[in-house]
Amino acid sequence: MIFPLEQLVEYKNNIYEITVAASHRAYQMAKVQDPEIEANNDKVVSLAAKQLFTNQVRIGYTEL
C-alpha cells in the first residue's frame, strides 16, 4: 500500500493535524509491533493514515 495521497488532498480539515496524527499512530503501532504492519509490507505510516481516513482510529485531544 502506498500513502493515501489522494485522500490527503481531498481532506477538508487541517492537513497538518491528520499528518501528525498519522505519525503518532504509526509510532504507537510500531511500539506494540502490531501484526497488521507485517501484513502491509512494513509500511506503517501508510497503514496508520489509512486507519485515520477510514475512521478505524479517531483523532482525540486532551486538555493540558
C-alpha atoms as a PDB file:
ATOM      1  CA  MET A   1       0.000   0.000   0.000  1.00  0.00           C
ATOM      2  CA  ILE A   2       1.242   3.477  -0.779  1.00  0.00           C
ATOM      3  CA  PHE A   3       0.437   6.563   1.268  1.00  0.00           C
ATOM      4  CA  PRO A   4      -3.165   7.635   0.528  1.00  0.00           C
ATOM      5  CA  LEU A   5      -2.121  10.952  -1.013  1.00  0.00           C
ATOM      6  CA  GLU A   6      -5.403  11.363  -2.889  1.00  0.00           C
ATOM      7  CA  GLN A   7      -7.345  11.191   0.376  1.00  0.00           C
ATOM      8  CA  LEU A   8      -4.951  13.674   1.970  1.00  0.00           C
ATOM      9  CA  VAL A   9      -5.518  16.173  -0.856  1.00  0.00           C
ATOM     10  CA  GLU A  10      -9.300  15.792  -0.548  1.00  0.00           C
ATOM     11  CA  TYR A  11      -9.220  16.100   3.258  1.00  0.00           C
ATOM     12  CA  LYS A  12     -11.370  19.084   4.255  1.00  0.00           C
ATOM     13  CA  ASN A  13      -9.917  19.724   7.713  1.00  0.00           C
ATOM     14  CA  ASN A  14      -6.406  20.622   8.839  1.00  0.00           C
ATOM     15  CA  ILE A  15      -3.893  18.613   6.770  1.00  0.00           C
ATOM     16  CA  TYR A  16      -1.163  19.222   9.356  1.00  0.00           C
ATOM     17  CA  GLU A  17      -3.400  17.726  12.038  1.00  0.00           C
ATOM     18  CA  ILE A  18      -4.088  14.495  10.135  1.00  0.00           C
ATOM     19  CA  THR A  19      -0.410  14.171   9.155  1.00  0.00           C
ATOM     20  CA  VAL A  20       0.745  14.495  12.766  1.00  0.00           C
ATOM     21  CA  ALA A  21      -1.972  12.077  13.891  1.00  0.00           C
ATOM     22  CA  ALA A  22      -0.797   9.511  11.307  1.00  0.00           C
ATOM     23  CA  SER A  23       2.762   9.904  12.546  1.00  0.00           C
ATOM     24  CA  HIS A  24       1.708   9.371  16.167  1.00  0.00           C
ATOM     25  CA  ARG A  25      -0.433   6.366  15.237  1.00  0.00           C
ATOM     26  CA  ALA A  26       2.427   4.843  13.244  1.00  0.00           C
ATOM     27  CA  TYR A  27       4.689   5.225  16.280  1.00  0.00           C
ATOM     28  CA  GLN A  28       2.111   3.522  18.508  1.00  0.00           C
ATOM     29  CA  MET A  29       1.727   0.634  16.086  1.00  0.00           C
ATOM     30  CA  ALA A  30       5.489   0.181  15.765  1.00  0.00           C
ATOM     31  CA  LYS A  31       5.984   0.179  19.547  1.00  0.00           C
ATOM     32  CA  VAL A  32       3.452  -2.620  20.121  1.00  0.00           C
ATOM     33  CA  GLN A  33       4.597  -4.467  16.977  1.00  0.00           C
ATOM     34  CA  ASP A  34       1.092  -4.574  15.512  1.00  0.00           C
ATOM     35  CA  PRO A  35       0.749  -7.650  13.248  1.00  0.00           C
ATOM     36  CA  GLU A  36      -1.003  -5.547  10.600  1.00  0.00           C
ATOM     37  CA  ILE A  37       2.332  -3.863   9.862  1.00  0.00           C
ATOM     38  CA  GLU A  38       3.876  -7.053   8.503  1.00  0.00           C
ATOM     39  CA  ALA A  39       0.724  -7.801   6.522  1.00  0.00           C
ATOM     40  CA  ASN A  40       1.092  -4.322   4.973  1.00  0.00           C
ATOM     41  CA  ASN A  41       4.694  -4.898   3.801  1.00  0.00           C
ATOM     42  CA  ASP A  42       6.071  -2.919   6.790  1.00  0.00           C
ATOM     43  CA  LYS A  43       4.528   0.347   5.558  1.00  0.00           C
ATOM     44  CA  VAL A  44       3.422   1.553   8.955  1.00  0.00           C
ATOM     45  CA  VAL A  45       2.787   5.229   8.109  1.00  0.00           C
ATOM     46  CA  SER A  46       0.563   4.321   5.158  1.00  0.00           C
ATOM     47  CA  LEU A  47      -1.352   1.890   7.339  1.00  0.00           C
ATOM     48  CA  ALA A  48      -1.797   4.493  10.084  1.00  0.00           C
ATOM     49  CA  ALA A  49      -3.041   7.082   7.580  1.00  0.00           C
ATOM     50  CA  LYS A  50      -5.483   4.569   6.106  1.00  0.00           C
ATOM     51  CA  GLN A  51      -6.836   3.844   9.585  1.00  0.00           C
ATOM     52  CA  LEU A  52      -7.430   7.551  10.164  1.00  0.00           C
ATOM     53  CA  PHE A  53      -9.062   8.175   6.781  1.00  0.00           C
ATOM     54  CA  THR A  54     -11.382   5.175   7.172  1.00  0.00           C
ATOM     55  CA  ASN A  55     -12.263   6.121  10.763  1.00  0.00           C
ATOM     56  CA  GLN A  56     -10.863   2.902  12.219  1.00  0.00           C
ATOM     57  CA  VAL A  57      -8.927   5.225  14.541  1.00  0.00           C
ATOM     58  CA  ARG A  58     -10.102   8.663  15.611  1.00  0.00           C
ATOM     59  CA  ILE A  59      -8.138  11.782  16.484  1.00  0.00           C
ATOM     60  CA  GLY A  60      -8.617  12.925  20.066  1.00  0.00           C
ATOM     61  CA  TYR A  61      -7.278  15.691  22.247  1.00  0.00           C
ATOM     62  CA  THR A  62      -6.715  16.127  25.934  1.00  0.00           C
ATOM     63  CA  GLU A  63      -6.619  19.352  27.884  1.00  0.00           C
ATOM     64  CA  LEU A  64      -3.250  20.169  29.448  1.00  0.00           C
END
